[in-house]
Protein backbone atom coordinates (compact mmCIF):
# COMPACT_ATOMS: atom_id res chain seq x y z
CA MET A 1 0.00 0.00 0.00
CA ARG A 2 1.37 3.40 -0.94
CA PHE A 3 1.77 6.36 1.41
CA TYR A 4 -1.14 8.73 0.88
CA PHE A 5 -1.28 12.44 1.64
CA THR A 6 -1.68 12.34 5.44
CA LYS A 7 1.19 9.85 5.80
CA ARG A 8 3.57 11.70 3.48
CA HIS A 9 2.89 15.00 5.23
CA ALA A 10 2.36 13.74 8.79
CA ASP A 11 5.04 16.01 10.26
CA ASP A 12 3.91 19.02 8.24
CA LEU A 13 0.29 18.51 9.32
CA LYS A 14 1.28 18.04 12.96
CA SER A 15 3.40 21.20 12.98
CA LYS A 16 0.69 23.02 10.97
CA ARG A 17 3.11 23.99 8.24
CA ILE A 18 0.39 22.59 5.99
CA LYS A 19 -3.19 23.50 6.92
CA PRO A 20 -5.62 22.07 4.35
CA TYR A 21 -8.90 23.90 3.87
CA LEU A 22 -11.71 22.83 1.55
CA PRO A 23 -14.78 25.10 1.45
CA SER A 24 -18.19 23.44 1.31
CA LYS A 25 -18.90 24.36 -2.33
CA LEU A 26 -15.58 22.90 -3.42
CA ARG A 27 -16.43 19.70 -1.54
CA VAL A 28 -19.70 19.45 -3.46
CA SER A 29 -17.80 19.81 -6.74
CA ILE A 30 -15.30 17.13 -5.69
CA ARG A 31 -18.08 14.69 -4.78
CA ARG A 32 -19.88 15.23 -8.08
CA ILE A 33 -16.72 14.76 -10.16
CA LEU A 34 -15.73 11.58 -8.33
CA SER A 35 -19.26 10.26 -8.72
CA ASN A 36 -19.13 10.91 -12.46
CA TYR A 37 -15.92 8.90 -12.77
CA SER A 38 -17.16 6.04 -10.59
CA LYS A 39 -18.28 2.58 -11.60
CA TRP A 40 -21.92 2.01 -10.66
CA GLY A 41 -23.68 -1.31 -10.07
CA GLY A 42 -26.85 -2.83 -8.69
CA ASP A 43 -30.13 -3.54 -10.43
CA TRP A 44 -30.65 0.14 -11.22
CA ASP A 45 -27.05 1.37 -11.07
CA GLU A 46 -27.75 2.81 -7.66
CA ILE A 47 -24.60 1.45 -5.96
CA ASN A 48 -21.33 3.35 -6.31
CA GLU A 49 -18.95 0.41 -6.47
CA THR A 50 -15.87 2.61 -6.75
CA PHE A 51 -16.75 4.46 -3.54
CA ILE A 52 -17.12 1.13 -1.73
CA GLU A 53 -13.65 0.06 -2.90
CA VAL A 54 -12.08 3.42 -1.94
CA GLU A 55 -13.75 3.30 1.48
CA ALA A 56 -12.27 -0.16 2.15
CA ILE A 57 -8.78 1.01 1.13
CA LEU A 58 -9.00 4.03 3.43
CA GLN A 59 -10.20 1.90 6.34
CA THR A 60 -7.18 -0.36 5.86
CA PHE A 61 -4.85 2.63 5.48
CA TYR A 62 -6.10 4.27 8.70
CA GLY A 63 -6.50 0.99 10.58
CA GLU A 64 -10.11 1.93 11.41
CA GLU A 65 -13.35 -0.01 11.04
CA GLU A 66 -15.28 3.13 10.05
CA LEU A 67 -14.61 6.48 8.45
CA HIS A 68 -15.53 9.62 10.38
CA ALA A 69 -16.76 13.13 9.67
CA TYR A 70 -18.08 16.07 11.68
CA ASP A 71 -21.83 16.36 12.27
CA SER A 72 -23.79 19.62 12.60
CA GLU A 73 -22.74 19.91 16.25
CA GLY A 74 -19.04 19.54 15.47
CA LYS A 75 -18.74 15.98 16.74
CA LEU A 76 -16.90 13.22 14.91
CA VAL A 77 -19.36 10.52 13.90
CA PRO A 78 -19.17 7.40 11.69
CA THR A 79 -19.86 8.11 8.02
CA ASP A 80 -19.48 6.82 4.49
CA LEU A 81 -17.40 8.27 1.67
CA ASN A 82 -20.00 10.90 0.77
CA GLY A 83 -20.03 12.07 4.37
CA LEU A 84 -16.24 12.22 4.49
CA ILE A 85 -16.16 14.43 1.41
CA ALA A 86 -18.91 16.68 2.79
CA SER A 87 -17.58 17.27 6.30
CA GLY A 88 -14.53 15.13 6.98
CA TYR A 89 -11.10 16.34 7.97
CA PRO A 90 -9.70 18.12 4.83
CA ALA A 91 -6.43 16.16 4.76
CA ARG A 92 -8.40 12.90 4.70
CA VAL A 93 -10.43 14.19 1.76
CA LEU A 94 -7.11 14.64 -0.04
CA ASP A 95 -6.24 11.02 0.87
CA LEU A 96 -9.56 10.01 -0.63
CA ILE A 97 -8.80 11.84 -3.88
CA GLU A 98 -5.43 10.09 -4.19
CA VAL A 99 -6.94 6.66 -3.59
CA PHE A 100 -9.71 7.34 -6.09
CA CYS A 101 -7.38 8.60 -8.84
CA ASP A 102 -4.96 5.74 -8.19
CA GLY A 103 -7.59 3.26 -9.39
CA ALA A 104 -9.62 5.40 -11.78
CA GLU A 105 -10.21 4.06 -15.28
CA ASN A 106 -9.61 7.51 -16.78
CA PRO A 107 -7.33 9.21 -14.22
CA LEU A 108 -6.01 11.99 -16.46
CA GLU A 109 -9.47 13.32 -17.30
CA CYS A 110 -10.60 12.97 -13.69
CA GLU A 111 -7.54 14.85 -12.44
CA LYS A 112 -8.07 17.53 -15.08
CA GLU A 113 -11.61 18.18 -13.86
CA LEU A 114 -10.55 18.16 -10.21
CA ASN A 115 -7.80 20.68 -10.94
CA SER A 116 -10.30 22.88 -12.76
CA VAL A 117 -12.59 23.09 -9.72
CA PHE A 118 -9.62 23.66 -7.43
CA GLU A 119 -8.71 26.61 -9.64
CA ILE A 120 -12.31 27.87 -9.84
CA HIS A 121 -12.54 27.92 -6.04
CA ASN A 122 -9.10 29.56 -5.69
CA SER A 123 -7.81 26.50 -3.86
CA PRO A 124 -4.03 25.94 -3.86
CA TRP A 125 -4.33 22.17 -4.24
CA ARG A 126 -3.67 20.24 -7.44
CA VAL A 127 -3.64 16.52 -8.22
CA VAL A 128 -1.12 15.05 -10.65
CA ASN A 129 -0.39 11.36 -11.19
CA ALA A 130 -2.79 10.46 -8.33
CA THR A 131 -0.81 12.66 -5.92
CA VAL A 132 -2.09 15.87 -4.32
CA TYR A 133 0.24 18.86 -4.12
CA LEU A 134 0.08 22.27 -2.51
CA ILE A 135 0.85 24.70 -5.30
CA ASP A 136 1.63 28.31 -4.56
CA SER A 137 2.50 29.17 -8.14
CA ASP A 138 0.09 28.60 -11.04
CA TYR A 139 3.07 28.46 -13.39
CA LEU A 140 4.70 25.75 -11.31
CA GLN A 141 1.61 23.55 -11.75
CA ASN A 142 0.24 24.37 -15.19
CA GLU A 143 3.43 24.82 -17.17
CA VAL A 144 5.95 22.60 -15.43
CA ILE A 145 4.81 20.00 -12.92
CA ALA A 146 1.87 18.44 -14.77
CA LYS A 147 3.57 18.39 -18.18
CA THR A 148 6.84 17.06 -16.81
CA GLN A 149 5.30 14.31 -14.69
CA ASN A 150 2.87 13.17 -17.37
CA LEU A 151 5.64 13.00 -19.97
CA LEU A 152 8.01 11.13 -17.65
CA ARG A 153 5.27 8.66 -16.75
CA GLU A 154 4.23 8.21 -20.39
CA HIS A 155 7.76 7.25 -21.40
CA SER A 156 8.47 5.16 -18.28
CA VAL A 157 11.28 7.38 -16.97
CA PHE A 158 10.44 6.30 -13.44
CA GLY A 159 13.73 7.19 -11.71
CA ALA A 160 13.53 10.82 -12.77
CA LEU A 161 9.79 10.84 -12.08
CA GLU A 162 10.37 9.73 -8.49
CA GLU A 163 13.12 12.32 -7.95
CA PHE A 164 11.09 15.15 -9.47
CA THR A 165 8.10 14.11 -7.35
CA ASP A 166 10.35 14.14 -4.27
CA ALA A 167 11.49 17.65 -5.22
CA ILE A 168 7.89 18.87 -5.33
CA SER A 169 6.96 17.14 -2.08
CA SER A 170 10.00 18.63 -0.35
CA LEU A 171 9.12 22.09 -1.62
CA THR A 172 5.54 21.62 -0.43
CA GLY A 173 6.72 20.57 3.02
CA GLY A 174 9.15 23.45 3.39
CA ARG A 175 12.26 21.26 2.99
CA THR A 176 13.73 23.62 0.43
CA LYS A 177 17.30 22.28 0.43
CA ASP A 178 16.02 18.78 -0.31
CA ALA A 179 13.81 20.21 -3.07
CA VAL A 180 16.86 21.65 -4.83
CA VAL A 181 18.88 18.44 -4.40
CA TYR A 182 16.10 16.23 -5.81
CA ALA A 183 15.46 18.68 -8.66
CA HIS A 184 19.14 18.47 -9.61
CA LYS A 185 19.07 14.66 -9.39
CA SER A 186 16.02 14.48 -11.64
CA VAL A 187 17.85 16.38 -14.39
CA GLU A 188 20.86 14.04 -14.09
CA SER A 189 18.51 11.02 -14.36
CA ILE A 190 16.93 12.44 -17.50
CA MET A 191 20.37 13.03 -19.00
CA LYS A 192 21.28 9.38 -18.31
CA THR A 193 18.01 8.24 -19.88
CA CYS A 194 18.74 10.26 -23.01
CA LEU A 195 22.20 8.68 -23.22
CA GLU A 196 20.80 5.24 -22.33
CA THR A 197 23.46 4.73 -19.67
CA GLU A 198 23.48 3.70 -16.01
CA LYS A 199 27.11 4.72 -15.49
CA HIS A 200 27.96 7.13 -12.68
CA LEU A 201 29.03 10.25 -14.56
CA THR A 202 29.37 13.84 -13.41
CA PHE A 203 26.90 16.46 -14.62
CA GLY A 204 29.64 17.95 -16.81
CA LYS A 205 30.47 14.64 -18.49
CA LEU A 206 26.78 13.90 -19.08
CA LEU A 207 26.34 17.32 -20.64
CA ASP A 208 29.40 16.83 -22.85
CA LYS A 209 28.11 13.47 -24.11
CA LEU A 210 24.64 14.91 -24.79
CA ILE A 211 26.14 17.68 -26.90
CA LYS A 212 28.32 15.21 -28.83
CA SER A 213 25.26 13.02 -29.41
CA GLY A 214 23.41 15.94 -30.96
CA ILE A 215 20.50 15.72 -28.51
CA ILE A 216 21.47 19.10 -27.04
CA PRO A 217 22.70 21.88 -29.36
CA LYS A 218 26.12 23.27 -28.43
CA TYR A 219 24.66 26.72 -27.72
CA TYR A 220 22.55 25.26 -24.86
CA GLU A 221 25.66 24.20 -22.95
CA GLU A 222 26.09 27.45 -21.02
CA PHE A 223 22.42 27.47 -19.93
CA LEU A 224 22.67 23.97 -18.44
CA VAL A 225 26.00 24.79 -16.79
CA HIS A 226 24.27 27.72 -15.09
CA PHE A 227 21.57 25.37 -13.77
CA GLU A 228 24.28 23.16 -12.26
CA LYS A 229 25.82 26.21 -10.58
CA LEU A 230 22.43 27.35 -9.29
CA ALA A 231 21.65 23.97 -7.72
CA LEU A 232 25.08 23.52 -6.15
CA GLY A 233 25.21 27.17 -5.12
CA ALA A 234 21.87 26.90 -3.33
CA VAL A 235 23.10 23.92 -1.31
CA LYS A 236 26.37 25.67 -0.48
CA GLU A 237 24.44 28.79 0.59
CA ARG A 238 22.44 26.60 2.94
CA ASN A 239 25.65 25.30 4.47
CA LEU A 240 27.13 28.77 4.90
CA PRO A 241 24.73 30.89 6.94
CA GLY A 242 27.50 32.99 8.41
CA ALA A 243 30.93 34.20 7.48
CA GLY A 244 32.48 30.83 6.75
CA HIS A 245 30.95 29.10 9.77
CA GLY A 246 28.97 25.86 9.90
CA GLN A 247 25.24 25.55 10.38
CA GLY A 248 25.39 25.02 14.11
CA GLN A 249 22.91 22.65 15.74
CA GLU A 250 19.93 23.66 13.60
CA ALA A 251 20.06 23.19 9.84
CA THR A 252 19.12 26.20 7.79
CA GLU A 253 17.12 25.95 4.57
CA VAL A 254 17.41 27.50 1.13
CA SER A 255 14.99 30.38 0.63
CA LYS A 256 11.63 29.23 -0.70
CA THR A 257 11.85 31.60 -3.67
CA LEU A 258 15.19 30.15 -4.74
CA ALA A 259 14.02 26.56 -4.22
CA GLU A 260 10.83 27.15 -6.23
CA PHE A 261 12.89 28.69 -9.02
CA ALA A 262 15.23 25.66 -9.03
CA VAL A 263 12.32 23.20 -9.21
CA ASN A 264 10.67 25.27 -11.96
CA LEU A 265 13.91 25.35 -13.89
CA ALA A 266 14.52 21.61 -13.43
CA GLY A 267 11.02 20.87 -14.73
CA THR A 268 11.58 23.07 -17.78
CA ILE A 269 14.94 21.41 -18.51
CA ASN A 270 13.44 17.93 -18.02
CA LEU A 271 10.68 18.75 -20.51
CA PHE A 272 13.21 20.01 -23.03
CA LEU A 273 15.52 17.01 -22.65
CA ILE A 274 12.83 14.34 -22.78
CA ARG A 275 11.25 15.93 -25.87
CA ARG A 276 14.62 16.17 -27.63
CA TRP A 277 15.27 12.52 -26.72
CA ILE A 278 11.89 11.46 -28.14
CA GLU A 279 12.56 13.43 -31.33
CA SER A 280 15.98 11.80 -31.73
CA ARG A 281 14.72 8.24 -31.41
CA PRO A 282 14.22 6.39 -34.70
CA THR A 283 10.60 5.82 -35.62
CA GLN A 284 9.45 2.39 -36.68
CA GLU A 285 8.37 2.29 -40.30
CA GLU A 286 5.04 0.64 -40.94
CA PRO A 287 5.15 -2.25 -43.42
CA PRO A 288 3.91 -1.29 -46.89
CA GLU A 289 0.35 -2.18 -47.70
CA GLU A 290 -0.15 -4.98 -50.18
CA ASP A 291 -2.73 -4.82 -52.91
CA GLU A 292 -3.76 -8.43 -52.52
CA VAL A 293 -4.16 -10.77 -49.60
CA PRO A 294 -1.22 -13.24 -49.83
CA PHE A 295 -3.31 -16.40 -49.51
């Protein structure tokens, strides 16, 4: 069983660095969208079979016999999935969305509609690849994260996908130094994928080989070198809070603005590299059509 939202962000939720909020109208929209993408059964299609499956998964995940939501008096009472969406703890509603999208027959369309209502209701949450993220920047979501993750998943670049996902999760949880490190690793993984190698090579050697292969034009070299300097510089800045002194007992973090920029930039570079790699791969020619059936 995978780690859903409340498990991944347990520390952030406990410390209230993340405080999910889902207004009632948004909850109605979420319920209607999930219902539309559900499988229905029974004699008159009156039973939401998908909701029953999701409810069982959540009960196992929480280790509880029943789900709970708040009643009109503010008390937690047993409920079903509809009740959880309507008045359950917001973070658990986000769990529910991840479980649902994880097993949806048409997850991309479902996620697209969910993200539309999140945007309509000015909610900072987005769901990509059955994972809910807190997004402070519309550009980060619409132009980088979704496109990058969908493309990596489509072409089975799972190592880079995991690292880029870790970068986003770290940024969401305020672990900005980790976000920069994972963003940098994701670019290196993409470079290795493009070169079809598992060898341990430095960023510079990977870049040199990509240029020689023709996947990256020579005039892009300086841009990618600057990304390497940005990522390493951000980590060094984190390790040097004073005039040449160490961090002390408490680790300092990279500024959120710098970390967000690094993750944005990594996503943009990943998109560029994976598209260039796809373009460079030989296409299979279809066999010529024959005028007559050969038998």
